[in-house]
């Protein structure tokens, strides 16, 4: 508990430590120069830390398949590629991002990666299998990122979809899941 007489009187001199003697050996103009240099150094280090890019890292999908860690697809296609528009799903009519595949759609996605497992819709059964062998090189990657002209980043995740029933007799297609990252 604080005693009433221990509260300092505001009409007198301020209590506390005296002036610092850390730079007392320097002339006043030199002290200001040193302090400006310290302040400028702190600002420089702080602003540099804010502008450093994050480290690129490969993503790992739910089935332990990894994706590319760049957003220009130069890892998979060193000369680039002519991206194709989506054939279905929520990104039809937007900027193209993914490449190849019989179909490119958000409908092949689950959790942002290509679906895995069997889905039945009416009399058609579809077996989805993500793959890591069609991403442009011999390096086993399942997905890559792509940045569209409007600055949005998408993941294009490869897989095979095999259709049974409804006139299909086990036809397998390369399908691409396009998901917003």
N, C-alpha and C. Protein backbone atom coordinates (compact mmCIF):
# COMPACT_ATOMS: atom_id res chain seq x y z
N UNK A 1 0.83 -1.17 0.00
CA UNK A 1 0.00 0.00 0.00
C UNK A 1 0.89 1.24 0.00
N UNK A 2 0.51 2.25 -0.75
CA UNK A 2 1.29 3.48 -0.86
C UNK A 2 0.86 4.45 0.23
N UNK A 3 1.85 5.00 0.91
CA UNK A 3 1.56 6.01 1.93
C UNK A 3 1.38 7.36 1.25
N UNK A 4 0.49 8.17 1.78
CA UNK A 4 0.19 9.47 1.18
C UNK A 4 1.43 10.36 1.09
N UNK A 5 2.29 10.31 2.08
CA UNK A 5 3.46 11.19 2.08
C UNK A 5 4.56 10.70 1.13
N UNK A 6 4.41 9.50 0.50
CA UNK A 6 5.42 9.02 -0.46
C UNK A 6 5.12 9.49 -1.89
N UNK A 7 3.97 10.13 -2.11
CA UNK A 7 3.62 10.65 -3.43
C UNK A 7 4.40 11.93 -3.64
N UNK A 8 5.17 12.06 -4.75
CA UNK A 8 6.00 13.26 -4.94
C UNK A 8 5.14 14.51 -5.17
N UNK A 9 5.67 15.63 -4.73
CA UNK A 9 5.01 16.92 -4.90
C UNK A 9 5.33 17.42 -6.30
N UNK A 10 4.33 17.76 -7.11
CA UNK A 10 4.54 18.19 -8.48
C UNK A 10 5.00 19.63 -8.59
N UNK A 11 4.96 20.38 -7.50
CA UNK A 11 5.39 21.78 -7.57
C UNK A 11 6.90 21.92 -7.44
N UNK A 12 7.58 20.90 -6.96
CA UNK A 12 9.03 20.95 -6.79
C UNK A 12 9.74 20.36 -8.00
N UNK A 13 11.07 20.18 -7.90
CA UNK A 13 11.83 19.59 -8.99
C UNK A 13 11.46 18.11 -9.17
N UNK A 14 11.56 17.65 -10.38
CA UNK A 14 11.21 16.27 -10.71
C UNK A 14 12.21 15.31 -10.10
N UNK A 15 11.71 14.27 -9.43
CA UNK A 15 12.62 13.29 -8.86
C UNK A 15 13.16 12.38 -9.97
N UNK A 16 14.17 11.63 -9.68
CA UNK A 16 14.68 10.67 -10.65
C UNK A 16 16.16 10.83 -10.86
N UNK A 17 16.72 9.99 -11.73
CA UNK A 17 18.16 10.03 -11.96
C UNK A 17 18.56 11.32 -12.67
N UNK A 18 19.79 11.68 -12.51
CA UNK A 18 20.32 12.87 -13.17
C UNK A 18 20.58 12.60 -14.63
N UNK A 19 21.24 13.52 -15.28
CA UNK A 19 21.55 13.39 -16.71
C UNK A 19 22.54 12.25 -16.94
N UNK A 20 22.46 11.65 -18.08
CA UNK A 20 23.38 10.58 -18.45
C UNK A 20 24.76 11.17 -18.72
N UNK A 21 25.77 10.42 -18.37
CA UNK A 21 27.14 10.85 -18.64
C UNK A 21 27.79 9.99 -19.72
N UNK A 22 26.97 9.21 -20.45
CA UNK A 22 27.50 8.28 -21.44
C UNK A 22 28.30 8.96 -22.54
N UNK A 23 27.84 10.11 -23.02
CA UNK A 23 28.54 10.80 -24.10
C UNK A 23 29.13 12.13 -23.63
N UNK A 24 29.36 12.25 -22.34
CA UNK A 24 29.81 13.53 -21.79
C UNK A 24 31.19 13.93 -22.26
N UNK A 25 31.99 13.01 -22.75
CA UNK A 25 33.33 13.34 -23.22
C UNK A 25 33.32 14.00 -24.60
N UNK A 26 32.16 14.02 -25.26
CA UNK A 26 32.07 14.60 -26.60
C UNK A 26 31.49 16.01 -26.54
N UNK A 27 31.86 16.82 -27.53
CA UNK A 27 31.25 18.14 -27.64
C UNK A 27 29.77 17.97 -27.96
N UNK A 28 28.93 18.95 -27.62
CA UNK A 28 27.49 18.82 -27.88
C UNK A 28 27.17 18.53 -29.34
N UNK A 29 27.88 19.11 -30.29
CA UNK A 29 27.59 18.84 -31.70
C UNK A 29 27.93 17.39 -32.07
N UNK A 30 28.98 16.82 -31.45
CA UNK A 30 29.36 15.43 -31.70
C UNK A 30 28.33 14.47 -31.09
N UNK A 31 27.83 14.81 -29.90
CA UNK A 31 26.80 13.97 -29.26
C UNK A 31 25.58 13.87 -30.17
N UNK A 32 25.15 15.02 -30.74
CA UNK A 32 23.99 15.01 -31.63
C UNK A 32 24.27 14.14 -32.87
N UNK A 33 25.48 14.21 -33.40
CA UNK A 33 25.85 13.40 -34.57
C UNK A 33 25.78 11.91 -34.24
N UNK A 34 26.30 11.53 -33.08
CA UNK A 34 26.27 10.13 -32.66
C UNK A 34 24.83 9.66 -32.48
N UNK A 35 24.01 10.48 -31.83
CA UNK A 35 22.62 10.10 -31.61
C UNK A 35 21.85 10.02 -32.93
N UNK A 36 22.11 10.91 -33.88
CA UNK A 36 21.47 10.84 -35.19
C UNK A 36 21.88 9.57 -35.91
N UNK A 37 23.16 9.22 -35.82
CA UNK A 37 23.64 7.99 -36.48
C UNK A 37 22.97 6.75 -35.89
N UNK A 38 22.81 6.73 -34.57
CA UNK A 38 22.13 5.60 -33.92
C UNK A 38 20.69 5.51 -34.38
N UNK A 39 19.99 6.64 -34.42
CA UNK A 39 18.59 6.65 -34.85
C UNK A 39 18.46 6.24 -36.30
N UNK A 40 19.33 6.78 -37.17
CA UNK A 40 19.29 6.43 -38.58
C UNK A 40 19.59 4.94 -38.79
N UNK A 41 20.55 4.40 -38.06
CA UNK A 41 20.87 2.98 -38.16
C UNK A 41 19.69 2.11 -37.76
N UNK A 42 19.01 2.48 -36.69
CA UNK A 42 17.84 1.71 -36.24
C UNK A 42 16.73 1.76 -37.29
N UNK A 43 16.49 2.94 -37.87
CA UNK A 43 15.47 3.05 -38.91
C UNK A 43 15.84 2.23 -40.14
N UNK A 44 17.11 2.26 -40.52
CA UNK A 44 17.55 1.50 -41.70
C UNK A 44 17.36 0.00 -41.49
N UNK A 45 17.79 -0.48 -40.35
CA UNK A 45 17.64 -1.92 -40.06
C UNK A 45 16.17 -2.30 -40.01
N UNK A 46 15.35 -1.49 -39.38
CA UNK A 46 13.91 -1.78 -39.28
C UNK A 46 13.24 -1.79 -40.64
N UNK A 47 13.54 -0.81 -41.49
CA UNK A 47 12.90 -0.78 -42.81
C UNK A 47 13.42 -1.91 -43.70
N UNK A 48 14.68 -2.27 -43.58
CA UNK A 48 15.22 -3.37 -44.37
C UNK A 48 14.54 -4.69 -43.98
N UNK A 49 14.29 -4.87 -42.71
CA UNK A 49 13.62 -6.10 -42.26
C UNK A 49 12.21 -6.19 -42.81
N UNK A 50 11.55 -5.05 -42.97
CA UNK A 50 10.19 -5.07 -43.50
C UNK A 50 10.13 -5.34 -44.99
N UNK A 51 11.19 -5.04 -45.72
CA UNK A 51 11.17 -5.22 -47.17
C UNK A 51 11.78 -6.52 -47.64
N UNK A 52 12.34 -7.33 -46.75
CA UNK A 52 12.92 -8.60 -47.16
C UNK A 52 11.82 -9.55 -47.59
N UNK A 53 11.98 -10.24 -48.72
CA UNK A 53 10.96 -11.20 -49.13
C UNK A 53 11.01 -12.44 -48.24
N UNK A 54 9.86 -13.09 -48.09
CA UNK A 54 9.84 -14.34 -47.34
C UNK A 54 10.58 -15.41 -48.11
N UNK A 55 11.12 -16.37 -47.42
CA UNK A 55 11.82 -17.46 -48.10
C UNK A 55 10.81 -18.30 -48.85
N UNK A 56 11.19 -18.68 -50.05
CA UNK A 56 10.34 -19.57 -50.82
C UNK A 56 10.46 -20.97 -50.24
N UNK A 57 9.36 -21.66 -50.22
CA UNK A 57 9.39 -23.03 -49.73
C UNK A 57 8.35 -23.83 -50.50
N UNK A 58 8.65 -25.05 -50.73
CA UNK A 58 7.69 -25.90 -51.42
C UNK A 58 6.57 -26.27 -50.47
N UNK A 59 5.37 -26.24 -50.98
CA UNK A 59 4.22 -26.64 -50.18
C UNK A 59 4.09 -28.16 -50.22
N UNK A 60 3.46 -28.69 -49.22
CA UNK A 60 3.18 -30.12 -49.21
C UNK A 60 1.68 -30.31 -49.09
N UNK A 61 1.11 -31.07 -50.02
CA UNK A 61 -0.32 -31.31 -50.03
C UNK A 61 -0.74 -32.37 -49.03
N UNK A 62 -2.05 -32.62 -48.95
CA UNK A 62 -2.56 -33.57 -47.97
C UNK A 62 -2.11 -35.01 -48.20
N UNK A 63 -1.68 -35.36 -49.40
CA UNK A 63 -1.22 -36.72 -49.69
C UNK A 63 0.30 -36.79 -49.79
N UNK A 64 0.98 -35.85 -49.13
CA UNK A 64 2.44 -35.77 -49.06
C UNK A 64 3.09 -35.49 -50.42
N UNK A 65 2.32 -34.97 -51.37
CA UNK A 65 2.88 -34.57 -52.65
C UNK A 65 3.27 -33.11 -52.55
N UNK A 66 4.44 -32.76 -53.07
CA UNK A 66 4.90 -31.37 -52.95
C UNK A 66 4.58 -30.58 -54.20
N UNK A 67 4.52 -29.26 -54.01
CA UNK A 67 4.27 -28.35 -55.12
C UNK A 67 5.49 -27.49 -55.37
N UNK A 68 5.47 -26.74 -56.45
CA UNK A 68 6.55 -25.82 -56.77
C UNK A 68 6.55 -24.69 -55.77
N UNK A 69 7.73 -24.11 -55.54
CA UNK A 69 7.83 -23.03 -54.58
C UNK A 69 8.00 -21.67 -55.24
N UNK A 70 7.70 -21.56 -56.52
CA UNK A 70 7.75 -20.27 -57.21
C UNK A 70 6.38 -19.97 -57.80
N UNK A 71 6.16 -18.72 -58.20
CA UNK A 71 4.87 -18.37 -58.77
C UNK A 71 4.96 -18.01 -60.25
N UNK A 72 6.03 -18.40 -60.92
CA UNK A 72 6.12 -18.11 -62.35
C UNK A 72 6.27 -19.38 -63.18
N UNK A 73 6.24 -20.51 -62.58
CA UNK A 73 6.30 -21.83 -63.22
C UNK A 73 7.58 -22.05 -64.01
N UNK A 74 8.61 -21.27 -63.79
CA UNK A 74 9.87 -21.46 -64.50
C UNK A 74 10.57 -22.74 -64.04
N UNK A 75 10.28 -23.20 -62.84
CA UNK A 75 10.86 -24.47 -62.39
C UNK A 75 10.39 -25.62 -63.28
N UNK A 76 9.09 -25.63 -63.55
CA UNK A 76 8.51 -26.72 -64.33
C UNK A 76 8.66 -26.50 -65.83
N UNK A 77 8.50 -25.28 -66.27
CA UNK A 77 8.56 -24.95 -67.68
C UNK A 77 9.51 -23.77 -67.85
N UNK A 78 10.81 -24.01 -68.07
CA UNK A 78 11.79 -22.93 -68.12
C UNK A 78 11.48 -21.82 -69.12
N UNK A 79 10.76 -22.13 -70.19
CA UNK A 79 10.41 -21.10 -71.15
C UNK A 79 8.97 -20.63 -70.96
N UNK A 80 8.35 -21.02 -69.87
CA UNK A 80 6.97 -20.64 -69.62
C UNK A 80 6.00 -21.54 -70.35
N UNK A 81 4.73 -21.20 -70.32
CA UNK A 81 3.73 -21.96 -71.05
C UNK A 81 2.52 -21.08 -71.31
N UNK A 82 1.73 -21.43 -72.31
CA UNK A 82 0.54 -20.64 -72.59
C UNK A 82 -0.63 -21.15 -71.74
N UNK A 83 -0.87 -20.51 -70.62
CA UNK A 83 -1.90 -21.00 -69.71
C UNK A 83 -3.25 -21.14 -70.43
N UNK A 84 -4.04 -22.10 -69.96
CA UNK A 84 -5.35 -22.37 -70.54
C UNK A 84 -6.44 -21.93 -69.58
N UNK A 85 -7.55 -21.48 -70.12
CA UNK A 85 -8.69 -21.10 -69.29
C UNK A 85 -9.34 -22.31 -68.67
N UNK A 86 -10.08 -22.08 -67.61
CA UNK A 86 -10.77 -23.18 -66.93
C UNK A 86 -11.93 -23.69 -67.78
N UNK A 87 -12.20 -24.98 -67.68
CA UNK A 87 -13.31 -25.60 -68.40
C UNK A 87 -14.55 -25.73 -67.53
N UNK A 88 -14.43 -25.44 -66.25
CA UNK A 88 -15.56 -25.49 -65.33
C UNK A 88 -15.18 -24.86 -64.00
N UNK A 89 -16.14 -24.81 -63.09
CA UNK A 89 -15.86 -24.31 -61.75
C UNK A 89 -15.95 -22.81 -61.60
N UNK A 90 -15.47 -22.32 -60.47
CA UNK A 90 -15.68 -20.92 -60.10
C UNK A 90 -14.78 -19.93 -60.84
N UNK A 91 -13.76 -20.37 -61.57
CA UNK A 91 -12.85 -19.44 -62.23
C UNK A 91 -13.03 -19.38 -63.75
N UNK A 92 -14.12 -19.95 -64.26
CA UNK A 92 -14.41 -19.86 -65.69
C UNK A 92 -14.64 -18.38 -66.02
N UNK A 93 -14.02 -17.92 -67.09
CA UNK A 93 -14.20 -16.54 -67.50
C UNK A 93 -13.26 -15.55 -66.82
N UNK A 94 -12.38 -16.04 -65.93
CA UNK A 94 -11.37 -15.17 -65.30
C UNK A 94 -10.04 -15.38 -66.02
N UNK A 95 -8.99 -14.72 -65.56
CA UNK A 95 -7.68 -14.91 -66.17
C UNK A 95 -7.29 -16.38 -66.10
N UNK A 96 -6.70 -16.88 -67.17
CA UNK A 96 -6.23 -18.26 -67.21
C UNK A 96 -5.01 -18.40 -66.31
N UNK A 97 -4.83 -19.60 -65.75
CA UNK A 97 -3.69 -19.82 -64.87
C UNK A 97 -3.06 -21.19 -65.10
N UNK A 98 -3.83 -22.22 -65.16
CA UNK A 98 -3.29 -23.57 -65.25
C UNK A 98 -3.09 -23.98 -66.70
N UNK A 99 -2.35 -25.04 -66.90
CA UNK A 99 -1.98 -25.48 -68.23
C UNK A 99 -2.22 -26.97 -68.38
N UNK A 100 -2.65 -27.35 -69.57
CA UNK A 100 -2.83 -28.75 -69.97
C UNK A 100 -4.02 -29.38 -69.28
N UNK A 101 -4.08 -30.68 -69.33
CA UNK A 101 -5.21 -31.40 -68.77
C UNK A 101 -6.40 -31.38 -69.70
N UNK A 102 -7.19 -32.44 -69.63
CA UNK A 102 -8.43 -32.47 -70.40
C UNK A 102 -9.41 -31.44 -69.85
N UNK A 103 -9.40 -31.29 -68.51
CA UNK A 103 -10.26 -30.30 -67.85
C UNK A 103 -9.48 -29.60 -66.76
N UNK A 104 -9.78 -28.33 -66.57
CA UNK A 104 -9.19 -27.50 -65.52
C UNK A 104 -10.34 -26.84 -64.78
N UNK A 105 -10.42 -27.10 -63.48
CA UNK A 105 -11.58 -26.59 -62.75
C UNK A 105 -11.36 -26.65 -61.25
N UNK A 106 -12.03 -25.77 -60.54
CA UNK A 106 -12.04 -25.83 -59.07
C UNK A 106 -12.84 -27.03 -58.59
N UNK A 107 -13.62 -27.64 -59.48
CA UNK A 107 -14.43 -28.81 -59.11
C UNK A 107 -13.57 -30.05 -58.85
N UNK A 108 -12.31 -30.02 -59.28
CA UNK A 108 -11.41 -31.14 -59.03
C UNK A 108 -10.62 -30.95 -57.73
N UNK A 109 -10.96 -29.91 -56.96
CA UNK A 109 -10.20 -29.56 -55.76
C UNK A 109 -10.89 -30.02 -54.49
N UNK A 110 -10.05 -30.29 -53.51
CA UNK A 110 -10.51 -30.54 -52.15
C UNK A 110 -9.42 -30.01 -51.23
N UNK A 111 -9.75 -28.99 -50.47
CA UNK A 111 -8.76 -28.38 -49.58
C UNK A 111 -7.64 -27.67 -50.35
N UNK A 112 -7.92 -27.22 -51.57
CA UNK A 112 -6.94 -26.50 -52.36
C UNK A 112 -5.99 -27.37 -53.16
N UNK A 113 -6.17 -28.68 -53.11
CA UNK A 113 -5.33 -29.62 -53.84
C UNK A 113 -6.24 -30.57 -54.62
N UNK A 114 -5.67 -31.32 -55.57
CA UNK A 114 -6.47 -32.24 -56.37
C UNK A 114 -7.14 -33.27 -55.47
N UNK A 115 -8.38 -33.57 -55.77
CA UNK A 115 -9.14 -34.56 -54.98
C UNK A 115 -8.45 -35.92 -55.01
N UNK A 116 -8.69 -36.66 -53.93
CA UNK A 116 -8.22 -38.03 -53.85
C UNK A 116 -9.41 -38.87 -53.38
N UNK A 117 -9.69 -39.95 -54.08
CA UNK A 117 -10.77 -40.84 -53.67
C UNK A 117 -11.86 -40.94 -54.72
N UNK A 118 -12.93 -41.63 -54.35
CA UNK A 118 -14.03 -41.91 -55.26
C UNK A 118 -15.23 -41.05 -54.93
N UNK A 119 -15.83 -40.48 -55.98
CA UNK A 119 -17.02 -39.65 -55.85
C UNK A 119 -18.07 -40.24 -56.78
N UNK A 120 -19.30 -40.36 -56.30
CA UNK A 120 -20.39 -40.85 -57.14
C UNK A 120 -21.41 -39.74 -57.32
N UNK A 121 -21.74 -39.46 -58.58
CA UNK A 121 -22.75 -38.46 -58.91
C UNK A 121 -23.74 -39.13 -59.85
N UNK A 122 -24.92 -39.48 -59.33
CA UNK A 122 -25.90 -40.20 -60.13
C UNK A 122 -25.39 -41.58 -60.46
N UNK A 123 -25.37 -41.91 -61.76
CA UNK A 123 -24.87 -43.23 -62.16
C UNK A 123 -23.41 -43.19 -62.62
N UNK A 124 -22.73 -42.09 -62.34
CA UNK A 124 -21.32 -41.97 -62.73
C UNK A 124 -20.44 -41.99 -61.48
N UNK A 125 -19.44 -42.84 -61.53
CA UNK A 125 -18.45 -42.91 -60.45
C UNK A 125 -17.14 -42.35 -60.99
N UNK A 126 -16.50 -41.46 -60.19
CA UNK A 126 -15.24 -40.86 -60.60
C UNK A 126 -14.18 -41.17 -59.56
N UNK A 127 -13.08 -41.77 -60.00
CA UNK A 127 -11.96 -42.06 -59.11
C UNK A 127 -10.89 -40.98 -59.35
N UNK A 128 -10.60 -40.18 -58.32
CA UNK A 128 -9.61 -39.10 -58.43
C UNK A 128 -8.30 -39.54 -57.77
N UNK A 129 -7.19 -39.26 -58.45
CA UNK A 129 -5.87 -39.61 -57.94
C UNK A 129 -4.89 -38.49 -58.25
N UNK A 130 -4.43 -37.74 -57.22
CA UNK A 130 -3.39 -36.73 -57.48
C UNK A 130 -2.11 -37.43 -57.93
N UNK A 131 -1.36 -36.78 -58.82
CA UNK A 131 -0.12 -37.36 -59.33
C UNK A 131 1.00 -36.34 -59.26
N UNK A 132 2.22 -36.84 -59.26
CA UNK A 132 3.39 -35.97 -59.21
C UNK A 132 4.33 -36.25 -60.37
N UNK A 133 3.76 -36.53 -61.54
CA UNK A 133 4.61 -36.90 -62.67
C UNK A 133 4.32 -36.07 -63.91
N UNK A 134 3.44 -35.10 -63.86
CA UNK A 134 3.05 -34.40 -65.08
C UNK A 134 3.38 -32.92 -65.05
N UNK A 135 4.21 -32.51 -64.15
CA UNK A 135 4.47 -31.08 -63.96
C UNK A 135 5.63 -30.55 -64.79
N UNK A 136 5.86 -31.12 -65.95
CA UNK A 136 6.81 -30.52 -66.88
C UNK A 136 8.25 -31.01 -66.84
N UNK A 137 8.68 -31.67 -65.79
CA UNK A 137 10.05 -32.17 -65.71
C UNK A 137 10.05 -33.52 -65.02
N UNK A 138 11.22 -34.06 -64.83
CA UNK A 138 11.32 -35.34 -64.15
C UNK A 138 11.25 -35.19 -62.63
N UNK A 139 11.32 -33.96 -62.14
CA UNK A 139 11.19 -33.72 -60.71
C UNK A 139 9.76 -34.02 -60.28
N UNK A 140 9.60 -34.79 -59.23
CA UNK A 140 8.26 -35.20 -58.78
C UNK A 140 7.58 -34.08 -58.01
N UNK A 141 6.75 -33.34 -58.69
CA UNK A 141 5.97 -32.28 -58.06
C UNK A 141 4.52 -32.45 -58.50
N UNK A 142 3.59 -32.11 -57.62
CA UNK A 142 2.18 -32.25 -57.93
C UNK A 142 1.55 -30.94 -58.37
N UNK A 143 2.01 -29.83 -57.89
CA UNK A 143 1.31 -28.57 -58.13
C UNK A 143 2.29 -27.44 -58.34
N UNK A 144 1.82 -26.38 -58.93
CA UNK A 144 2.61 -25.17 -59.05
C UNK A 144 1.70 -23.99 -58.78
N UNK A 145 2.31 -22.85 -58.50
CA UNK A 145 1.56 -21.62 -58.27
C UNK A 145 1.62 -20.75 -59.51
N UNK A 146 0.58 -19.98 -59.70
CA UNK A 146 0.55 -19.08 -60.84
C UNK A 146 -0.07 -17.77 -60.42
N UNK A 147 0.58 -16.66 -60.79
CA UNK A 147 0.04 -15.34 -60.49
C UNK A 147 -0.57 -14.77 -61.76
N UNK A 148 -1.84 -14.38 -61.70
CA UNK A 148 -2.53 -13.82 -62.86
C UNK A 148 -2.28 -12.31 -62.93
N UNK A 149 -2.57 -11.67 -64.06
CA UNK A 149 -2.32 -10.23 -64.21
C UNK A 149 -3.01 -9.36 -63.16
N UNK A 150 -4.07 -9.85 -62.54
CA UNK A 150 -4.74 -9.06 -61.49
C UNK A 150 -4.11 -9.27 -60.12
N UNK A 151 -2.97 -10.01 -60.06
CA UNK A 151 -2.23 -10.19 -58.81
C UNK A 151 -2.71 -11.34 -57.95
N UNK A 152 -3.68 -12.10 -58.39
CA UNK A 152 -4.17 -13.24 -57.59
C UNK A 152 -3.29 -14.46 -57.84
N UNK A 153 -3.08 -15.23 -56.78
CA UNK A 153 -2.22 -16.42 -56.87
C UNK A 153 -3.10 -17.66 -56.76
N UNK A 154 -2.85 -18.60 -57.66
CA UNK A 154 -3.60 -19.85 -57.69
C UNK A 154 -2.65 -21.03 -57.61
N UNK A 155 -3.14 -22.15 -57.10
CA UNK A 155 -2.41 -23.41 -57.13
C UNK A 155 -3.07 -24.28 -58.20
N UNK A 156 -2.25 -24.84 -59.08
CA UNK A 156 -2.71 -25.75 -60.11
C UNK A 156 -2.17 -27.13 -59.73
N UNK A 157 -3.06 -28.01 -59.31
CA UNK A 157 -2.67 -29.32 -58.78
C UNK A 157 -3.12 -30.41 -59.76
N UNK A 158 -2.17 -31.25 -60.18
CA UNK A 158 -2.43 -32.28 -61.19
C UNK A 158 -3.03 -33.55 -60.60
N UNK A 159 -3.83 -34.22 -61.42
CA UNK A 159 -4.37 -35.51 -61.02
C UNK A 159 -4.96 -36.23 -62.22
N UNK A 160 -5.30 -37.49 -62.00
CA UNK A 160 -6.02 -38.25 -63.00
C UNK A 160 -7.40 -38.53 -62.45
N UNK A 161 -8.40 -38.42 -63.32
CA UNK A 161 -9.78 -38.72 -62.95
C UNK A 161 -10.29 -39.78 -63.91
N UNK A 162 -10.73 -40.91 -63.36
CA UNK A 162 -11.24 -42.02 -64.16
C UNK A 162 -12.75 -42.11 -63.97
N UNK A 163 -13.47 -42.10 -65.09
CA UNK A 163 -14.93 -42.07 -65.08
C UNK A 163 -15.48 -43.45 -65.42
N UNK A 164 -16.47 -43.90 -64.62
CA UNK A 164 -17.15 -45.18 -64.81
C UNK A 164 -18.65 -44.95 -64.82
N UNK A 165 -19.36 -45.66 -65.67
CA UNK A 165 -20.82 -45.57 -65.71
C UNK A 165 -21.28 -44.37 -66.52
N UNK A 166 -22.58 -44.32 -66.80
CA UNK A 166 -23.14 -43.22 -67.57
C UNK A 166 -22.51 -43.09 -68.96
N UNK A 167 -22.19 -44.22 -69.57
CA UNK A 167 -21.58 -44.20 -70.90
C UNK A 167 -20.06 -44.21 -70.86
N UNK A 168 -19.48 -44.15 -69.68
CA UNK A 168 -18.01 -44.19 -69.54
C UNK A 168 -17.58 -45.61 -69.18
N UNK A 169 -16.50 -46.05 -69.76
CA UNK A 169 -16.01 -47.40 -69.49
C UNK A 169 -14.58 -47.35 -68.94
N UNK A 170 -14.37 -46.54 -67.94
CA UNK A 170 -13.06 -46.46 -67.33
C UNK A 170 -12.11 -45.53 -68.05
N UNK A 171 -12.64 -44.46 -68.64
CA UNK A 171 -11.77 -43.50 -69.31
C UNK A 171 -11.06 -42.62 -68.28
N UNK A 172 -9.75 -42.48 -68.44
CA UNK A 172 -8.94 -41.69 -67.52
C UNK A 172 -8.46 -40.42 -68.22
N UNK A 173 -8.58 -39.31 -67.51
CA UNK A 173 -8.19 -38.00 -68.05
C UNK A 173 -7.26 -37.31 -67.07
N UNK A 174 -6.31 -36.53 -67.63
CA UNK A 174 -5.51 -35.64 -66.80
C UNK A 174 -6.40 -34.45 -66.46
N UNK A 175 -6.60 -34.22 -65.17
CA UNK A 175 -7.44 -33.12 -64.72
C UNK A 175 -6.62 -32.20 -63.80
N UNK A 176 -6.93 -30.93 -63.83
CA UNK A 176 -6.19 -29.94 -63.06
C UNK A 176 -7.13 -29.24 -62.07
N UNK A 177 -6.76 -29.26 -60.82
CA UNK A 177 -7.48 -28.53 -59.78
C UNK A 177 -6.90 -27.12 -59.73
N UNK A 178 -7.75 -26.12 -59.86
CA UNK A 178 -7.31 -24.74 -59.73
C UNK A 178 -7.93 -24.16 -58.45
N UNK A 179 -7.07 -23.78 -57.51
CA UNK A 179 -7.55 -23.27 -56.23
C UNK A 179 -6.86 -21.94 -55.93
N UNK A 180 -7.58 -21.04 -55.30
CA UNK A 180 -7.02 -19.75 -54.89
C UNK A 180 -6.15 -19.96 -53.68
N UNK A 181 -4.95 -19.38 -53.68
CA UNK A 181 -4.04 -19.51 -52.55
C UNK A 181 -4.11 -18.26 -51.70
